[in-house]
Amino acid sequence: MAMSGKDQKDDSILYPGAPRDVVIAKLGPPESSTTNEKEERVDSYYIVKGNKPSTGRAVAHAALDVFTFGLWEVIGTPMEMGAGSEEHSRVLVIYDKNDKIKDVKKVISPKDKE
């Protein structure tokens, strides 16, 4: 599943005690929201982390290409390929009775490994 930089989500809000309304404001609505056997709310999010496109970085690489007569490509291209990778994960956010985060679990499924 290819996603653009605007689809990336900042999961720094996912820590115990964070209120659910703040999580939704930061990450958007969950993929699903259910109740577990302990009657706790469980929200599921698909998180994409990675290196967002940058005009400034592209200009810097172009300038380095010019000043090094193209030699920068030998270093810059592999570096950008590694930096441009994205990490995909699915997380389950478990809330207490006050809708505050109780626990966050990362889920790995065969679909996520593609």
N, C-alpha and C. Protein backbone atom coordinates (compact mmCIF):
# COMPACT_ATOMS: atom_id res chain seq x y z
N MET A 1 0.84 -1.16 0.00
CA MET A 1 0.00 0.00 0.00
C MET A 1 0.89 1.24 0.00
N ALA A 2 0.93 1.97 -1.07
CA ALA A 2 1.76 3.17 -1.18
C ALA A 2 1.03 4.36 -0.58
N MET A 3 1.76 5.12 0.22
CA MET A 3 1.16 6.28 0.85
C MET A 3 2.05 7.47 0.63
N SER A 4 1.43 8.63 0.49
CA SER A 4 2.20 9.85 0.32
C SER A 4 2.54 10.43 1.68
N GLY A 5 3.41 11.43 1.69
CA GLY A 5 3.83 12.07 2.92
C GLY A 5 2.67 12.59 3.74
N LYS A 6 1.59 13.04 3.09
CA LYS A 6 0.47 13.58 3.85
C LYS A 6 -0.30 12.49 4.60
N ASP A 7 -0.11 11.22 4.24
CA ASP A 7 -0.78 10.12 4.93
C ASP A 7 -0.01 9.68 6.18
N GLN A 8 1.18 10.20 6.37
CA GLN A 8 1.99 9.79 7.51
C GLN A 8 1.39 10.37 8.79
N LYS A 9 1.50 9.58 9.86
CA LYS A 9 0.92 9.99 11.14
C LYS A 9 2.01 10.02 12.20
N ASP A 10 1.93 11.00 13.05
CA ASP A 10 2.87 11.15 14.15
C ASP A 10 2.31 10.45 15.37
N ASP A 11 2.95 9.35 15.75
CA ASP A 11 2.42 8.56 16.87
C ASP A 11 3.01 8.96 18.22
N SER A 12 3.64 10.14 18.30
CA SER A 12 4.24 10.57 19.56
C SER A 12 3.19 10.79 20.66
N ILE A 13 1.94 10.92 20.29
CA ILE A 13 0.86 11.13 21.26
C ILE A 13 0.47 9.82 21.96
N LEU A 14 0.93 8.69 21.46
CA LEU A 14 0.51 7.39 21.99
C LEU A 14 1.33 6.98 23.20
N TYR A 15 0.95 7.52 24.35
CA TYR A 15 1.61 7.17 25.61
C TYR A 15 0.53 7.04 26.69
N PRO A 16 0.78 6.24 27.72
CA PRO A 16 -0.23 6.04 28.78
C PRO A 16 -0.67 7.36 29.40
N GLY A 17 -1.98 7.49 29.53
CA GLY A 17 -2.56 8.68 30.13
C GLY A 17 -3.05 9.72 29.14
N ALA A 18 -2.66 9.59 27.87
CA ALA A 18 -3.10 10.56 26.86
C ALA A 18 -4.60 10.39 26.62
N PRO A 19 -5.36 11.49 26.55
CA PRO A 19 -6.80 11.40 26.32
C PRO A 19 -7.15 11.00 24.89
N ARG A 20 -8.21 10.22 24.74
CA ARG A 20 -8.63 9.73 23.43
C ARG A 20 -8.95 10.87 22.46
N ASP A 21 -9.59 11.95 22.94
CA ASP A 21 -9.94 13.04 22.03
C ASP A 21 -8.69 13.72 21.46
N VAL A 22 -7.60 13.76 22.23
CA VAL A 22 -6.35 14.33 21.72
C VAL A 22 -5.73 13.38 20.68
N VAL A 23 -5.81 12.07 20.94
CA VAL A 23 -5.29 11.08 19.99
C VAL A 23 -6.04 11.22 18.66
N ILE A 24 -7.35 11.32 18.72
CA ILE A 24 -8.15 11.45 17.49
C ILE A 24 -7.84 12.77 16.79
N ALA A 25 -7.64 13.84 17.55
CA ALA A 25 -7.30 15.13 16.94
C ALA A 25 -5.96 15.05 16.21
N LYS A 26 -5.02 14.29 16.77
CA LYS A 26 -3.68 14.20 16.17
C LYS A 26 -3.61 13.17 15.04
N LEU A 27 -4.25 12.00 15.24
CA LEU A 27 -4.13 10.91 14.26
C LEU A 27 -5.34 10.76 13.34
N GLY A 28 -6.43 11.41 13.68
CA GLY A 28 -7.66 11.21 12.92
C GLY A 28 -8.45 10.07 13.52
N PRO A 29 -9.61 9.80 12.93
CA PRO A 29 -10.43 8.72 13.48
C PRO A 29 -9.74 7.36 13.32
N PRO A 30 -9.96 6.44 14.26
CA PRO A 30 -9.34 5.12 14.15
C PRO A 30 -9.93 4.32 13.00
N GLU A 31 -9.16 3.33 12.52
CA GLU A 31 -9.68 2.40 11.50
C GLU A 31 -10.89 1.66 12.03
N SER A 32 -10.78 1.24 13.29
CA SER A 32 -11.90 0.55 13.95
C SER A 32 -11.85 0.86 15.43
N SER A 33 -13.00 0.74 16.07
CA SER A 33 -13.10 0.94 17.51
C SER A 33 -14.02 -0.13 18.05
N THR A 34 -13.50 -0.94 18.98
CA THR A 34 -14.26 -2.04 19.55
C THR A 34 -14.12 -2.02 21.06
N THR A 35 -14.76 -2.98 21.69
CA THR A 35 -14.64 -3.17 23.14
C THR A 35 -14.12 -4.58 23.38
N ASN A 36 -13.10 -4.69 24.24
CA ASN A 36 -12.53 -6.01 24.52
C ASN A 36 -13.30 -6.71 25.63
N GLU A 37 -12.82 -7.89 26.04
CA GLU A 37 -13.52 -8.69 27.06
C GLU A 37 -13.55 -8.02 28.43
N LYS A 38 -12.67 -7.04 28.65
CA LYS A 38 -12.66 -6.30 29.93
C LYS A 38 -13.49 -5.02 29.85
N GLU A 39 -14.26 -4.89 28.76
CA GLU A 39 -15.10 -3.71 28.53
C GLU A 39 -14.28 -2.43 28.34
N GLU A 40 -13.04 -2.58 27.83
CA GLU A 40 -12.19 -1.43 27.54
C GLU A 40 -12.30 -1.11 26.05
N ARG A 41 -12.28 0.18 25.73
CA ARG A 41 -12.32 0.59 24.32
C ARG A 41 -10.95 0.30 23.70
N VAL A 42 -10.96 -0.26 22.47
CA VAL A 42 -9.75 -0.58 21.73
C VAL A 42 -9.87 0.03 20.34
N ASP A 43 -9.00 0.99 20.03
CA ASP A 43 -8.96 1.62 18.70
C ASP A 43 -7.78 1.07 17.92
N SER A 44 -7.96 0.91 16.62
CA SER A 44 -6.91 0.42 15.74
C SER A 44 -6.50 1.53 14.78
N TYR A 45 -5.18 1.75 14.65
CA TYR A 45 -4.62 2.75 13.73
C TYR A 45 -3.57 2.11 12.84
N TYR A 46 -3.52 2.53 11.59
CA TYR A 46 -2.46 2.14 10.67
C TYR A 46 -1.50 3.31 10.60
N ILE A 47 -0.27 3.13 11.05
CA ILE A 47 0.71 4.21 11.17
C ILE A 47 1.78 4.05 10.09
N VAL A 48 2.09 5.15 9.42
CA VAL A 48 3.17 5.19 8.45
C VAL A 48 4.17 6.23 8.91
N LYS A 49 5.41 5.79 9.10
CA LYS A 49 6.48 6.71 9.48
C LYS A 49 7.52 6.68 8.38
N GLY A 50 8.08 7.81 8.09
CA GLY A 50 9.12 7.83 7.08
C GLY A 50 9.61 9.22 6.81
N ASN A 51 10.36 9.32 5.76
CA ASN A 51 10.99 10.57 5.38
C ASN A 51 10.11 11.30 4.39
N LYS A 52 9.53 12.40 4.79
CA LYS A 52 8.65 13.17 3.92
C LYS A 52 9.47 13.86 2.82
N PRO A 53 8.86 14.05 1.63
CA PRO A 53 9.56 14.77 0.56
C PRO A 53 9.94 16.18 1.02
N SER A 54 11.11 16.65 0.56
CA SER A 54 11.59 17.97 0.96
C SER A 54 12.18 18.71 -0.24
N THR A 55 11.61 19.88 -0.54
CA THR A 55 12.12 20.70 -1.63
C THR A 55 13.52 21.18 -1.30
N GLY A 56 13.76 21.57 -0.06
CA GLY A 56 15.09 22.04 0.36
C GLY A 56 16.15 20.98 0.18
N ARG A 57 15.82 19.74 0.53
CA ARG A 57 16.78 18.66 0.38
C ARG A 57 17.08 18.40 -1.09
N ALA A 58 16.05 18.49 -1.93
CA ALA A 58 16.25 18.28 -3.37
C ALA A 58 17.15 19.36 -3.96
N VAL A 59 16.96 20.61 -3.55
CA VAL A 59 17.79 21.72 -4.03
C VAL A 59 19.23 21.53 -3.57
N ALA A 60 19.41 21.11 -2.31
CA ALA A 60 20.77 20.87 -1.79
C ALA A 60 21.47 19.77 -2.58
N HIS A 61 20.76 18.70 -2.89
CA HIS A 61 21.36 17.62 -3.68
C HIS A 61 21.72 18.10 -5.08
N ALA A 62 20.86 18.89 -5.68
CA ALA A 62 21.16 19.42 -7.02
C ALA A 62 22.40 20.30 -6.98
N ALA A 63 22.51 21.16 -5.98
CA ALA A 63 23.68 22.03 -5.85
C ALA A 63 24.96 21.22 -5.65
N LEU A 64 24.88 20.19 -4.81
CA LEU A 64 26.04 19.34 -4.60
C LEU A 64 26.44 18.60 -5.88
N ASP A 65 25.46 18.21 -6.68
CA ASP A 65 25.76 17.59 -7.97
C ASP A 65 26.56 18.54 -8.86
N VAL A 66 26.14 19.79 -8.90
CA VAL A 66 26.81 20.79 -9.73
C VAL A 66 28.23 21.04 -9.22
N PHE A 67 28.37 21.28 -7.93
CA PHE A 67 29.68 21.62 -7.36
C PHE A 67 30.67 20.47 -7.35
N THR A 68 30.18 19.23 -7.37
CA THR A 68 31.10 18.07 -7.36
C THR A 68 31.16 17.41 -8.74
N PHE A 69 30.62 18.10 -9.74
CA PHE A 69 30.61 17.58 -11.11
C PHE A 69 29.98 16.19 -11.19
N GLY A 70 28.91 16.00 -10.47
CA GLY A 70 28.16 14.75 -10.51
C GLY A 70 28.62 13.67 -9.56
N LEU A 71 29.75 13.87 -8.90
CA LEU A 71 30.26 12.84 -7.99
C LEU A 71 29.37 12.66 -6.76
N TRP A 72 28.62 13.69 -6.40
CA TRP A 72 27.73 13.58 -5.24
C TRP A 72 26.71 12.45 -5.42
N GLU A 73 26.36 12.13 -6.66
CA GLU A 73 25.38 11.07 -6.91
C GLU A 73 25.82 9.73 -6.33
N VAL A 74 27.12 9.47 -6.30
CA VAL A 74 27.65 8.21 -5.78
C VAL A 74 27.31 8.08 -4.28
N ILE A 75 27.35 9.18 -3.56
CA ILE A 75 27.05 9.17 -2.13
C ILE A 75 25.57 9.48 -1.88
N GLY A 76 25.06 10.48 -2.56
CA GLY A 76 23.71 11.00 -2.30
C GLY A 76 22.59 10.04 -2.65
N THR A 77 22.71 9.34 -3.77
CA THR A 77 21.62 8.46 -4.19
C THR A 77 21.38 7.32 -3.20
N PRO A 78 22.40 6.55 -2.81
CA PRO A 78 22.14 5.50 -1.82
C PRO A 78 21.65 6.06 -0.48
N MET A 79 22.17 7.23 -0.10
CA MET A 79 21.75 7.84 1.15
C MET A 79 20.26 8.20 1.11
N GLU A 80 19.81 8.77 0.02
CA GLU A 80 18.40 9.14 -0.12
C GLU A 80 17.50 7.91 -0.20
N MET A 81 17.99 6.86 -0.84
CA MET A 81 17.17 5.65 -0.95
C MET A 81 16.91 5.07 0.44
N GLY A 82 17.92 5.07 1.29
CA GLY A 82 17.75 4.57 2.65
C GLY A 82 16.90 5.50 3.50
N ALA A 83 17.08 6.79 3.33
CA ALA A 83 16.34 7.78 4.12
C ALA A 83 14.88 7.85 3.70
N GLY A 84 14.60 7.50 2.46
CA GLY A 84 13.24 7.61 1.95
C GLY A 84 12.35 6.43 2.28
N SER A 85 12.86 5.48 3.03
CA SER A 85 12.05 4.31 3.34
C SER A 85 10.98 4.64 4.38
N GLU A 86 9.89 3.92 4.31
CA GLU A 86 8.80 4.13 5.24
C GLU A 86 8.61 2.88 6.09
N GLU A 87 8.18 3.09 7.32
CA GLU A 87 7.86 1.99 8.22
C GLU A 87 6.35 1.99 8.41
N HIS A 88 5.74 0.85 8.17
CA HIS A 88 4.30 0.70 8.31
C HIS A 88 4.03 -0.17 9.53
N SER A 89 3.09 0.24 10.35
CA SER A 89 2.72 -0.58 11.49
C SER A 89 1.25 -0.35 11.85
N ARG A 90 0.70 -1.33 12.48
CA ARG A 90 -0.68 -1.22 12.97
C ARG A 90 -0.59 -1.25 14.49
N VAL A 91 -1.26 -0.32 15.14
CA VAL A 91 -1.24 -0.28 16.60
C VAL A 91 -2.65 -0.36 17.15
N LEU A 92 -2.75 -1.03 18.28
CA LEU A 92 -4.00 -1.09 19.02
C LEU A 92 -3.84 -0.21 20.26
N VAL A 93 -4.74 0.73 20.41
CA VAL A 93 -4.70 1.65 21.55
C VAL A 93 -5.83 1.24 22.49
N ILE A 94 -5.46 0.88 23.71
CA ILE A 94 -6.43 0.42 24.71
C ILE A 94 -6.63 1.54 25.73
N TYR A 95 -7.90 1.89 25.94
CA TYR A 95 -8.24 3.00 26.84
C TYR A 95 -8.86 2.47 28.13
N ASP A 96 -8.70 3.24 29.21
CA ASP A 96 -9.36 2.91 30.47
C ASP A 96 -10.79 3.46 30.46
N LYS A 97 -11.49 3.35 31.57
CA LYS A 97 -12.88 3.79 31.63
C LYS A 97 -13.05 5.30 31.46
N ASN A 98 -11.96 6.07 31.63
CA ASN A 98 -11.99 7.52 31.46
C ASN A 98 -11.51 7.96 30.09
N ASP A 99 -11.39 7.01 29.15
CA ASP A 99 -10.89 7.28 27.79
C ASP A 99 -9.48 7.87 27.78
N LYS A 100 -8.65 7.39 28.69
CA LYS A 100 -7.23 7.73 28.72
C LYS A 100 -6.47 6.47 28.29
N ILE A 101 -5.38 6.64 27.54
CA ILE A 101 -4.63 5.47 27.07
C ILE A 101 -4.12 4.67 28.25
N LYS A 102 -4.43 3.39 28.21
CA LYS A 102 -3.96 2.43 29.21
C LYS A 102 -2.76 1.66 28.67
N ASP A 103 -2.81 1.29 27.36
CA ASP A 103 -1.75 0.50 26.75
C ASP A 103 -1.77 0.70 25.24
N VAL A 104 -0.61 0.52 24.62
CA VAL A 104 -0.48 0.58 23.16
C VAL A 104 0.27 -0.66 22.73
N LYS A 105 -0.30 -1.40 21.77
CA LYS A 105 0.31 -2.63 21.29
C LYS A 105 0.51 -2.55 19.79
N LYS A 106 1.71 -2.87 19.36
CA LYS A 106 2.02 -2.93 17.93
C LYS A 106 1.64 -4.31 17.42
N VAL A 107 0.90 -4.36 16.32
CA VAL A 107 0.44 -5.62 15.77
C VAL A 107 1.13 -5.83 14.42
N ILE A 108 1.67 -7.02 14.22
CA ILE A 108 2.30 -7.35 12.94
C ILE A 108 1.46 -8.44 12.30
N SER A 109 1.00 -8.17 11.09
CA SER A 109 0.23 -9.16 10.34
C SER A 109 0.93 -9.43 9.02
N PRO A 110 0.64 -10.57 8.36
CA PRO A 110 1.27 -10.87 7.07
C PRO A 110 1.07 -9.75 6.07
N LYS A 111 -0.08 -9.09 6.09
CA LYS A 111 -0.35 -7.99 5.17
C LYS A 111 0.61 -6.83 5.38
N ASP A 112 0.98 -6.56 6.65
CA ASP A 112 1.88 -5.46 6.98
C ASP A 112 3.31 -5.73 6.52
N LYS A 113 3.68 -6.99 6.36
CA LYS A 113 5.05 -7.34 5.98
C LYS A 113 5.31 -7.17 4.49
N GLU A 114 4.27 -6.94 3.69
CA GLU A 114 4.42 -6.83 2.23
C GLU A 114 5.23 -5.62 1.85
